[in-house]
């Protein structure tokens, strides 16, 4: 969806209501990343979670750790691609629902 450096990440950041950066040593995504945004009016700050594929449970983690997990999920594929998605949830009073 779109060429490199055309603002796709900035658009997604506007949905999240904050800047973030998935750490990746390769250009482009190697697997789908499903981002779930939840506007929670009572939330003082943002809460980031990753869906554990083995337990099917959400794990709330520091934002930086979520970024590293997502980056590693893409990097470990090398030059291959996968249809297996990584799921990330963002809860905040600043993000869209």
PDB file of N, CA and C in Angstrom:
ATOM      1  N   UNK A   1       0.850  -1.158   0.000  1.00  0.00           N
ATOM      2  CA  UNK A   1       0.000   0.000   0.000  1.00  0.00           C
ATOM      3  C   UNK A   1       0.902   1.228   0.000  1.00  0.00           C
ATOM      4  N   UNK A   2       1.132   1.779  -1.128  1.00  0.00           N
ATOM      5  CA  UNK A   2       1.931   2.994  -1.219  1.00  0.00           C
ATOM      6  C   UNK A   2       3.421   2.730  -1.281  1.00  0.00           C
ATOM      7  N   UNK A   3       4.135   3.650  -1.885  1.00  0.00           N
ATOM      8  CA  UNK A   3       5.585   3.555  -2.013  1.00  0.00           C
ATOM      9  C   UNK A   3       6.254   3.873  -0.681  1.00  0.00           C
ATOM     10  N   UNK A   4       7.549   3.610  -0.644  1.00  0.00           N
ATOM     11  CA  UNK A   4       8.330   3.904   0.555  1.00  0.00           C
ATOM     12  C   UNK A   4       8.356   5.410   0.806  1.00  0.00           C
ATOM     13  N   UNK A   5       8.256   5.791   2.076  1.00  0.00           N
ATOM     14  CA  UNK A   5       8.371   7.194   2.518  1.00  0.00           C
ATOM     15  C   UNK A   5       7.282   8.109   1.977  1.00  0.00           C
ATOM     16  N   UNK A   6       6.046   7.584   1.881  1.00  0.00           N
ATOM     17  CA  UNK A   6       4.951   8.442   1.431  1.00  0.00           C
ATOM     18  C   UNK A   6       4.015   8.823   2.571  1.00  0.00           C
ATOM     19  N   UNK A   7       4.331   8.401   3.797  1.00  0.00           N
ATOM     20  CA  UNK A   7       3.559   8.830   4.950  1.00  0.00           C
ATOM     21  C   UNK A   7       2.607   7.803   5.535  1.00  0.00           C
ATOM     22  N   UNK A   8       2.754   6.525   5.163  1.00  0.00           N
ATOM     23  CA  UNK A   8       1.863   5.489   5.703  1.00  0.00           C
ATOM     24  C   UNK A   8       1.979   5.407   7.221  1.00  0.00           C
ATOM     25  N   UNK A   9       3.194   5.420   7.737  1.00  0.00           N
ATOM     26  CA  UNK A   9       3.394   5.320   9.184  1.00  0.00           C
ATOM     27  C   UNK A   9       2.824   6.534   9.901  1.00  0.00           C
ATOM     28  N   UNK A  10       2.985   7.716   9.327  1.00  0.00           N
ATOM     29  CA  UNK A  10       2.449   8.927   9.954  1.00  0.00           C
ATOM     30  C   UNK A  10       0.923   8.866  10.020  1.00  0.00           C
ATOM     31  N   UNK A  11       0.292   8.292   8.998  1.00  0.00           N
ATOM     32  CA  UNK A  11      -1.157   8.154   8.999  1.00  0.00           C
ATOM     33  C   UNK A  11      -1.602   7.235  10.141  1.00  0.00           C
ATOM     34  N   UNK A  12      -0.928   6.109  10.294  1.00  0.00           N
ATOM     35  CA  UNK A  12      -1.259   5.171  11.370  1.00  0.00           C
ATOM     36  C   UNK A  12      -1.000   5.822  12.725  1.00  0.00           C
ATOM     37  N   UNK A  13       0.072   6.581  12.849  1.00  0.00           N
ATOM     38  CA  UNK A  13       0.362   7.281  14.105  1.00  0.00           C
ATOM     39  C   UNK A  13      -0.745   8.274  14.454  1.00  0.00           C
ATOM     40  N   UNK A  14      -1.335   8.889  13.447  1.00  0.00           N
ATOM     41  CA  UNK A  14      -2.426   9.824  13.728  1.00  0.00           C
ATOM     42  C   UNK A  14      -3.634   9.078  14.296  1.00  0.00           C
ATOM     43  N   UNK A  15      -3.863   7.839  13.873  1.00  0.00           N
ATOM     44  CA  UNK A  15      -4.934   7.018  14.449  1.00  0.00           C
ATOM     45  C   UNK A  15      -4.619   6.669  15.903  1.00  0.00           C
ATOM     46  N   UNK A  16      -3.356   6.377  16.183  1.00  0.00           N
ATOM     47  CA  UNK A  16      -2.936   5.990  17.536  1.00  0.00           C
ATOM     48  C   UNK A  16      -2.886   7.184  18.475  1.00  0.00           C
ATOM     49  N   UNK A  17      -2.723   8.377  17.935  1.00  0.00           N
ATOM     50  CA  UNK A  17      -2.641   9.564  18.765  1.00  0.00           C
ATOM     51  C   UNK A  17      -1.268   9.795  19.357  1.00  0.00           C
ATOM     52  N   UNK A  18      -0.256   9.100  18.853  1.00  0.00           N
ATOM     53  CA  UNK A  18       1.127   9.276  19.323  1.00  0.00           C
ATOM     54  C   UNK A  18       2.098   8.697  18.308  1.00  0.00           C
ATOM     55  N   UNK A  19       3.345   9.134  18.412  1.00  0.00           N
ATOM     56  CA  UNK A  19       4.381   8.610  17.519  1.00  0.00           C
ATOM     57  C   UNK A  19       4.910   7.301  18.054  1.00  0.00           C
ATOM     58  N   UNK A  20       5.225   6.404  17.144  1.00  0.00           N
ATOM     59  CA  UNK A  20       5.887   5.152  17.496  1.00  0.00           C
ATOM     60  C   UNK A  20       6.663   4.692  16.282  1.00  0.00           C
ATOM     61  N   UNK A  21       7.564   3.766  16.505  1.00  0.00           N
ATOM     62  CA  UNK A  21       8.398   3.285  15.415  1.00  0.00           C
ATOM     63  C   UNK A  21       8.683   1.810  15.620  1.00  0.00           C
ATOM     64  N   UNK A  22       8.180   0.984  14.712  1.00  0.00           N
ATOM     65  CA  UNK A  22       8.503  -0.433  14.765  1.00  0.00           C
ATOM     66  C   UNK A  22       9.940  -0.601  14.302  1.00  0.00           C
ATOM     67  N   UNK A  23      10.754  -1.223  15.135  1.00  0.00           N
ATOM     68  CA  UNK A  23      12.180  -1.382  14.851  1.00  0.00           C
ATOM     69  C   UNK A  23      12.353  -2.535  13.885  1.00  0.00           C
ATOM     70  N   UNK A  24      12.906  -2.247  12.718  1.00  0.00           N
ATOM     71  CA  UNK A  24      13.116  -3.282  11.710  1.00  0.00           C
ATOM     72  C   UNK A  24      14.411  -3.017  10.977  1.00  0.00           C
ATOM     73  N   UNK A  25      15.192  -4.061  10.810  1.00  0.00           N
ATOM     74  CA  UNK A  25      16.452  -3.930  10.097  1.00  0.00           C
ATOM     75  C   UNK A  25      16.309  -4.111   8.603  1.00  0.00           C
ATOM     76  N   UNK A  26      15.091  -4.453   8.173  1.00  0.00           N
ATOM     77  CA  UNK A  26      14.848  -4.661   6.752  1.00  0.00           C
ATOM     78  C   UNK A  26      13.868  -3.610   6.261  1.00  0.00           C
ATOM     79  N   UNK A  27      13.863  -3.388   4.985  1.00  0.00           N
ATOM     80  CA  UNK A  27      12.899  -2.456   4.415  1.00  0.00           C
ATOM     81  C   UNK A  27      11.586  -3.184   4.189  1.00  0.00           C
ATOM     82  N   UNK A  28      10.506  -2.591   4.577  1.00  0.00           N
ATOM     83  CA  UNK A  28       9.191  -3.147   4.317  1.00  0.00           C
ATOM     84  C   UNK A  28       8.766  -4.196   5.326  1.00  0.00           C
ATOM     85  N   UNK A  29       7.494  -4.468   5.322  1.00  0.00           N
ATOM     86  CA  UNK A  29       6.911  -5.458   6.222  1.00  0.00           C
ATOM     87  C   UNK A  29       7.057  -6.852   5.633  1.00  0.00           C
ATOM     88  N   UNK A  30       7.282  -7.793   6.499  1.00  0.00           N
ATOM     89  CA  UNK A  30       7.431  -9.191   6.096  1.00  0.00           C
ATOM     90  C   UNK A  30       6.217 -10.019   6.483  1.00  0.00           C
ATOM     91  N   UNK A  31       5.330  -9.428   7.282  1.00  0.00           N
ATOM     92  CA  UNK A  31       4.101 -10.103   7.709  1.00  0.00           C
ATOM     93  C   UNK A  31       3.062  -9.037   8.010  1.00  0.00           C
ATOM     94  N   UNK A  32       1.784  -9.409   7.997  1.00  0.00           N
ATOM     95  CA  UNK A  32       0.763  -8.423   8.357  1.00  0.00           C
ATOM     96  C   UNK A  32       0.899  -8.022   9.825  1.00  0.00           C
ATOM     97  N   UNK A  33       0.674  -6.764  10.117  1.00  0.00           N
ATOM     98  CA  UNK A  33       0.613  -6.268  11.479  1.00  0.00           C
ATOM     99  C   UNK A  33      -0.789  -5.699  11.668  1.00  0.00           C
ATOM    100  N   UNK A  34      -1.559  -6.343  12.536  1.00  0.00           N
ATOM    101  CA  UNK A  34      -2.933  -5.926  12.796  1.00  0.00           C
ATOM    102  C   UNK A  34      -2.911  -5.002  14.007  1.00  0.00           C
ATOM    103  N   UNK A  35      -3.297  -3.754  13.789  1.00  0.00           N
ATOM    104  CA  UNK A  35      -3.337  -2.762  14.856  1.00  0.00           C
ATOM    105  C   UNK A  35      -4.787  -2.530  15.269  1.00  0.00           C
ATOM    106  N   UNK A  36      -5.064  -2.703  16.546  1.00  0.00           N
ATOM    107  CA  UNK A  36      -6.399  -2.488  17.084  1.00  0.00           C
ATOM    108  C   UNK A  36      -6.344  -1.253  17.978  1.00  0.00           C
ATOM    109  N   UNK A  37      -7.132  -0.245  17.640  1.00  0.00           N
ATOM    110  CA  UNK A  37      -7.153   0.998  18.405  1.00  0.00           C
ATOM    111  C   UNK A  37      -8.411   1.038  19.265  1.00  0.00           C
ATOM    112  N   UNK A  38      -8.237   1.402  20.536  1.00  0.00           N
ATOM    113  CA  UNK A  38      -9.377   1.535  21.440  1.00  0.00           C
ATOM    114  C   UNK A  38      -9.280   2.875  22.165  1.00  0.00           C
ATOM    115  N   UNK A  39     -10.283   3.709  21.947  1.00  0.00           N
ATOM    116  CA  UNK A  39     -10.325   4.975  22.658  1.00  0.00           C
ATOM    117  C   UNK A  39     -10.937   4.725  24.024  1.00  0.00           C
ATOM    118  N   UNK A  40     -10.165   4.982  25.066  1.00  0.00           N
ATOM    119  CA  UNK A  40     -10.611   4.805  26.446  1.00  0.00           C
ATOM    120  C   UNK A  40     -10.478   6.162  27.126  1.00  0.00           C
ATOM    121  N   UNK A  41     -11.598   6.832  27.306  1.00  0.00           N
ATOM    122  CA  UNK A  41     -11.594   8.207  27.823  1.00  0.00           C
ATOM    123  C   UNK A  41     -10.932   8.316  29.189  1.00  0.00           C
ATOM    124  N   UNK A  42     -11.011   7.272  29.997  1.00  0.00           N
ATOM    125  CA  UNK A  42     -10.460   7.315  31.356  1.00  0.00           C
ATOM    126  C   UNK A  42      -8.985   6.928  31.418  1.00  0.00           C
ATOM    127  N   UNK A  43      -8.409   6.597  30.304  1.00  0.00           N
ATOM    128  CA  UNK A  43      -7.007   6.155  30.258  1.00  0.00           C
ATOM    129  C   UNK A  43      -6.090   7.382  30.311  1.00  0.00           C
ATOM    130  N   UNK A  44      -5.242   7.452  31.340  1.00  0.00           N
ATOM    131  CA  UNK A  44      -4.351   8.604  31.515  1.00  0.00           C
ATOM    132  C   UNK A  44      -3.221   8.611  30.493  1.00  0.00           C
ATOM    133  N   UNK A  45      -2.710   7.461  30.146  1.00  0.00           N
ATOM    134  CA  UNK A  45      -1.643   7.334  29.158  1.00  0.00           C
ATOM    135  C   UNK A  45      -1.986   6.194  28.223  1.00  0.00           C
ATOM    136  N   UNK A  46      -1.115   5.903  27.291  1.00  0.00           N
ATOM    137  CA  UNK A  46      -1.403   4.807  26.369  1.00  0.00           C
ATOM    138  C   UNK A  46      -0.992   3.475  26.983  1.00  0.00           C
ATOM    139  N   UNK A  47      -1.727   2.442  26.600  1.00  0.00           N
ATOM    140  CA  UNK A  47      -1.429   1.070  27.005  1.00  0.00           C
ATOM    141  C   UNK A  47      -1.280   0.242  25.732  1.00  0.00           C
ATOM    142  N   UNK A  48      -0.124  -0.407  25.596  1.00  0.00           N
ATOM    143  CA  UNK A  48       0.171  -1.215  24.419  1.00  0.00           C
ATOM    144  C   UNK A  48       0.182  -2.685  24.803  1.00  0.00           C
ATOM    145  N   UNK A  49      -0.400  -3.521  23.945  1.00  0.00           N
ATOM    146  CA  UNK A  49      -0.451  -4.957  24.192  1.00  0.00           C
ATOM    147  C   UNK A  49      -0.158  -5.708  22.906  1.00  0.00           C
ATOM    148  N   UNK A  50       0.363  -6.928  23.075  1.00  0.00           N
ATOM    149  CA  UNK A  50       0.621  -7.839  21.957  1.00  0.00           C
ATOM    150  C   UNK A  50      -0.158  -9.120  22.237  1.00  0.00           C
ATOM    151  N   UNK A  51      -0.788  -9.681  21.214  1.00  0.00           N
ATOM    152  CA  UNK A  51      -1.530 -10.927  21.370  1.00  0.00           C
ATOM    153  C   UNK A  51      -0.556 -12.097  21.318  1.00  0.00           C
ATOM    154  N   UNK A  52      -0.526 -12.874  22.386  1.00  0.00           N
ATOM    155  CA  UNK A  52       0.311 -14.083  22.445  1.00  0.00           C
ATOM    156  C   UNK A  52      -0.383 -15.159  21.622  1.00  0.00           C
ATOM    157  N   UNK A  53       0.257 -15.589  20.537  1.00  0.00           N
ATOM    158  CA  UNK A  53      -0.349 -16.562  19.622  1.00  0.00           C
ATOM    159  C   UNK A  53      -0.580 -17.921  20.274  1.00  0.00           C
ATOM    160  N   UNK A  54       0.251 -18.290  21.242  1.00  0.00           N
ATOM    161  CA  UNK A  54       0.122 -19.602  21.883  1.00  0.00           C
ATOM    162  C   UNK A  54      -1.027 -19.637  22.881  1.00  0.00           C
ATOM    163  N   UNK A  55      -1.191 -18.569  23.680  1.00  0.00           N
ATOM    164  CA  UNK A  55      -2.229 -18.556  24.708  1.00  0.00           C
ATOM    165  C   UNK A  55      -3.491 -17.813  24.272  1.00  0.00           C
ATOM    166  N   UNK A  56      -3.405 -17.073  23.178  1.00  0.00           N
ATOM    167  CA  UNK A  56      -4.488 -16.232  22.682  1.00  0.00           C
ATOM    168  C   UNK A  56      -4.911 -15.192  23.731  1.00  0.00           C
ATOM    169  N   UNK A  57      -3.931 -14.737  24.525  1.00  0.00           N
ATOM    170  CA  UNK A  57      -4.159 -13.733  25.560  1.00  0.00           C
ATOM    171  C   UNK A  57      -3.342 -12.476  25.233  1.00  0.00           C
ATOM    172  N   UNK A  58      -3.905 -11.325  25.550  1.00  0.00           N
ATOM    173  CA  UNK A  58      -3.198 -10.065  25.353  1.00  0.00           C
ATOM    174  C   UNK A  58      -2.199  -9.869  26.480  1.00  0.00           C
ATOM    175  N   UNK A  59      -0.988  -9.439  26.131  1.00  0.00           N
ATOM    176  CA  UNK A  59       0.056  -9.132  27.107  1.00  0.00           C
ATOM    177  C   UNK A  59       0.330  -7.637  27.037  1.00  0.00           C
ATOM    178  N   UNK A  60       0.005  -6.924  28.118  1.00  0.00           N
ATOM    179  CA  UNK A  60       0.295  -5.492  28.160  1.00  0.00           C
ATOM    180  C   UNK A  60       1.772  -5.318  28.484  1.00  0.00           C
ATOM    181  N   UNK A  61       2.460  -4.542  27.650  1.00  0.00           N
ATOM    182  CA  UNK A  61       3.905  -4.359  27.764  1.00  0.00           C
ATOM    183  C   UNK A  61       4.255  -2.892  27.558  1.00  0.00           C
ATOM    184  N   UNK A  62       5.448  -2.487  28.004  1.00  0.00           N
ATOM    185  CA  UNK A  62       5.902  -1.130  27.686  1.00  0.00           C
ATOM    186  C   UNK A  62       5.963  -0.924  26.172  1.00  0.00           C
ATOM    187  N   UNK A  63       5.661   0.291  25.747  1.00  0.00           N
ATOM    188  CA  UNK A  63       5.621   0.597  24.314  1.00  0.00           C
ATOM    189  C   UNK A  63       6.895   0.162  23.594  1.00  0.00           C
ATOM    190  N   UNK A  64       8.046   0.453  24.166  1.00  0.00           N
ATOM    191  CA  UNK A  64       9.310   0.111  23.522  1.00  0.00           C
ATOM    192  C   UNK A  64       9.443  -1.396  23.319  1.00  0.00           C
ATOM    193  N   UNK A  65       8.995  -2.174  24.282  1.00  0.00           N
ATOM    194  CA  UNK A  65       9.076  -3.629  24.156  1.00  0.00           C
ATOM    195  C   UNK A  65       8.140  -4.134  23.055  1.00  0.00           C
ATOM    196  N   UNK A  66       6.966  -3.537  22.937  1.00  0.00           N
ATOM    197  CA  UNK A  66       6.049  -3.902  21.852  1.00  0.00           C
ATOM    198  C   UNK A  66       6.709  -3.615  20.507  1.00  0.00           C
ATOM    199  N   UNK A  67       7.353  -2.459  20.380  1.00  0.00           N
ATOM    200  CA  UNK A  67       8.032  -2.103  19.128  1.00  0.00           C
ATOM    201  C   UNK A  67       9.117  -3.125  18.789  1.00  0.00           C
ATOM    202  N   UNK A  68       9.857  -3.547  19.801  1.00  0.00           N
ATOM    203  CA  UNK A  68      10.924  -4.530  19.578  1.00  0.00           C
ATOM    204  C   UNK A  68      10.360  -5.888  19.174  1.00  0.00           C
ATOM    205  N   UNK A  69       9.262  -6.305  19.790  1.00  0.00           N
ATOM    206  CA  UNK A  69       8.622  -7.581  19.453  1.00  0.00           C
ATOM    207  C   UNK A  69       8.142  -7.562  18.007  1.00  0.00           C
ATOM    208  N   UNK A  70       7.502  -6.469  17.612  1.00  0.00           N
ATOM    209  CA  UNK A  70       7.008  -6.357  16.232  1.00  0.00           C
ATOM    210  C   UNK A  70       8.176  -6.353  15.248  1.00  0.00           C
ATOM    211  N   UNK A  71       9.215  -5.579  15.554  1.00  0.00           N
ATOM    212  CA  UNK A  71      10.386  -5.538  14.682  1.00  0.00           C
ATOM    213  C   UNK A  71      11.019  -6.906  14.528  1.00  0.00           C
ATOM    214  N   UNK A  72      11.163  -7.634  15.638  1.00  0.00           N
ATOM    215  CA  UNK A  72      11.758  -8.972  15.591  1.00  0.00           C
ATOM    216  C   UNK A  72      10.881  -9.946  14.803  1.00  0.00           C
ATOM    217  N   UNK A  73       9.562  -9.816  14.934  1.00  0.00           N
ATOM    218  CA  UNK A  73       8.653 -10.689  14.184  1.00  0.00           C
ATOM    219  C   UNK A  73       8.852 -10.523  12.680  1.00  0.00           C
ATOM    220  N   UNK A  74       9.163  -9.303  12.248  1.00  0.00           N
ATOM    221  CA  UNK A  74       9.429  -9.049  10.831  1.00  0.00           C
ATOM    222  C   UNK A  74      10.854  -9.487  10.469  1.00  0.00           C
ATOM    223  N   UNK A  75      11.822  -9.135  11.298  1.00  0.00           N
ATOM    224  CA  UNK A  75      13.225  -9.417  10.992  1.00  0.00           C
ATOM    225  C   UNK A  75      13.552 -10.896  10.935  1.00  0.00           C
ATOM    226  N   UNK A  76      12.919 -11.701  11.789  1.00  0.00           N
ATOM    227  CA  UNK A  76      13.275 -13.122  11.837  1.00  0.00           C
ATOM    228  C   UNK A  76      12.911 -13.860  10.554  1.00  0.00           C
ATOM    229  N   UNK A  77      12.092 -13.248   9.719  1.00  0.00           N
ATOM    230  CA  UNK A  77      11.740 -13.861   8.443  1.00  0.00           C
ATOM    231  C   UNK A  77      12.801 -13.648   7.374  1.00  0.00           C
ATOM    232  N   UNK A  78      13.772 -12.779   7.651  1.00  0.00           N
ATOM    233  CA  UNK A  78      14.812 -12.509   6.653  1.00  0.00           C
ATOM    234  C   UNK A  78      14.197 -11.904   5.410  1.00  0.00           C
ATOM    235  N   UNK A  79      14.412 -12.565   4.276  1.00  0.00           N
ATOM    236  CA  UNK A  79      13.859 -12.072   3.011  1.00  0.00           C
ATOM    237  C   UNK A  79      12.556 -12.775   2.650  1.00  0.00           C
ATOM    238  N   UNK A  80      12.102 -13.686   3.525  1.00  0.00           N
ATOM    239  CA  UNK A  80      10.837 -14.380   3.302  1.00  0.00           C
ATOM    240  C   UNK A  80       9.678 -13.501   3.758  1.00  0.00           C
ATOM    241  N   UNK A  81       8.479 -13.920   3.409  1.00  0.00           N
ATOM    242  CA  UNK A  81       7.270 -13.260   3.889  1.00  0.00           C
ATOM    243  C   UNK A  81       6.363 -14.310   4.512  1.00  0.00           C
ATOM    244  N   UNK A  82       5.443 -13.884   5.349  1.00  0.00           N
ATOM    245  CA  UNK A  82       4.525 -14.792   6.015  1.00  0.00           C
ATOM    246  C   UNK A  82       3.136 -14.182   6.027  1.00  0.00           C
ATOM    247  N   UNK A  83       2.131 -15.020   5.980  1.00  0.00           N
ATOM    248  CA  UNK A  83       0.752 -14.538   6.094  1.00  0.00           C
ATOM    249  C   UNK A  83       0.307 -14.509   7.557  1.00  0.00           C
ATOM    250  N   UNK A  84       1.156 -15.011   8.463  1.00  0.00           N
ATOM    251  CA  UNK A  84       0.840 -15.016   9.886  1.00  0.00           C
ATOM    252  C   UNK A  84       0.998 -13.608  10.455  1.00  0.00           C
ATOM    253  N   UNK A  85      -0.095 -13.083  10.957  1.00  0.00           N
ATOM    254  CA  UNK A  85      -0.096 -11.694  11.454  1.00  0.00           C
ATOM    255  C   UNK A  85       0.405 -11.612  12.887  1.00  0.00           C
ATOM    256  N   UNK A  86       0.928 -10.449  13.231  1.00  0.00           N
ATOM    257  CA  UNK A  86       1.193 -10.103  14.617  1.00  0.00           C
ATOM    258  C   UNK A  86       0.136  -9.066  14.990  1.00  0.00           C
ATOM    259  N   UNK A  87      -0.463  -9.221  16.175  1.00  0.00           N
ATOM    260  CA  UNK A  87      -1.575  -8.378  16.600  1.00  0.00           C
ATOM    261  C   UNK A  87      -1.133  -7.453  17.728  1.00  0.00           C
ATOM    262  N   UNK A  88      -1.420  -6.164  17.565  1.00  0.00           N
ATOM    263  CA  UNK A  88      -1.057  -5.142  18.543  1.00  0.00           C
ATOM    264  C   UNK A  88      -2.308  -4.331  18.882  1.00  0.00           C
ATOM    265  N   UNK A  89      -2.490  -4.073  20.173  1.00  0.00           N
ATOM    266  CA  UNK A  89      -3.620  -3.257  20.636  1.00  0.00           C
ATOM    267  C   UNK A  89      -3.066  -1.997  21.310  1.00  0.00           C
ATOM    268  N   UNK A  90      -3.689  -0.865  20.979  1.00  0.00           N
ATOM    269  CA  UNK A  90      -3.343   0.414  21.604  1.00  0.00           C
ATOM    270  C   UNK A  90      -4.606   0.960  22.267  1.00  0.00           C
ATOM    271  N   UNK A  91      -4.526   1.226  23.557  1.00  0.00           N
ATOM    272  CA  UNK A  91      -5.636   1.823  24.289  1.00  0.00           C
ATOM    273  C   UNK A  91      -5.166   3.185  24.798  1.00  0.00           C
ATOM    274  N   UNK A  92      -5.943   4.224  24.520  1.00  0.00           N
ATOM    275  CA  UNK A  92      -5.551   5.571  24.896  1.00  0.00           C
ATOM    276  C   UNK A  92      -6.746   6.503  24.804  1.00  0.00           C
ATOM    277  N   UNK A  93      -6.667   7.620  25.497  1.00  0.00           N
ATOM    278  CA  UNK A  93      -7.722   8.634  25.345  1.00  0.00           C
ATOM    279  C   UNK A  93      -7.471   9.516  24.127  1.00  0.00           C
ATOM    280  N   UNK A  94      -6.369   9.265  23.415  1.00  0.00           N
ATOM    281  CA  UNK A  94      -6.016  10.062  22.238  1.00  0.00           C
ATOM    282  C   UNK A  94      -6.219   9.317  20.920  1.00  0.00           C
ATOM    283  N   UNK A  95      -6.400   8.000  20.974  1.00  0.00           N
ATOM    284  CA  UNK A  95      -6.503   7.261  19.710  1.00  0.00           C
ATOM    285  C   UNK A  95      -7.950   7.144  19.254  1.00  0.00           C
ATOM    286  N   UNK A  96      -8.118   6.836  17.986  1.00  0.00           N
ATOM    287  CA  UNK A  96      -9.451   6.645  17.431  1.00  0.00           C
ATOM    288  C   UNK A  96      -9.985   5.295  17.881  1.00  0.00           C
ATOM    289  N   UNK A  97     -11.272   5.118  17.747  1.00  0.00           N
ATOM    290  CA  UNK A  97     -11.904   3.849  18.126  1.00  0.00           C
ATOM    291  C   UNK A  97     -12.162   3.019  16.898  1.00  0.00           C
TER     292      UNK A  97
END
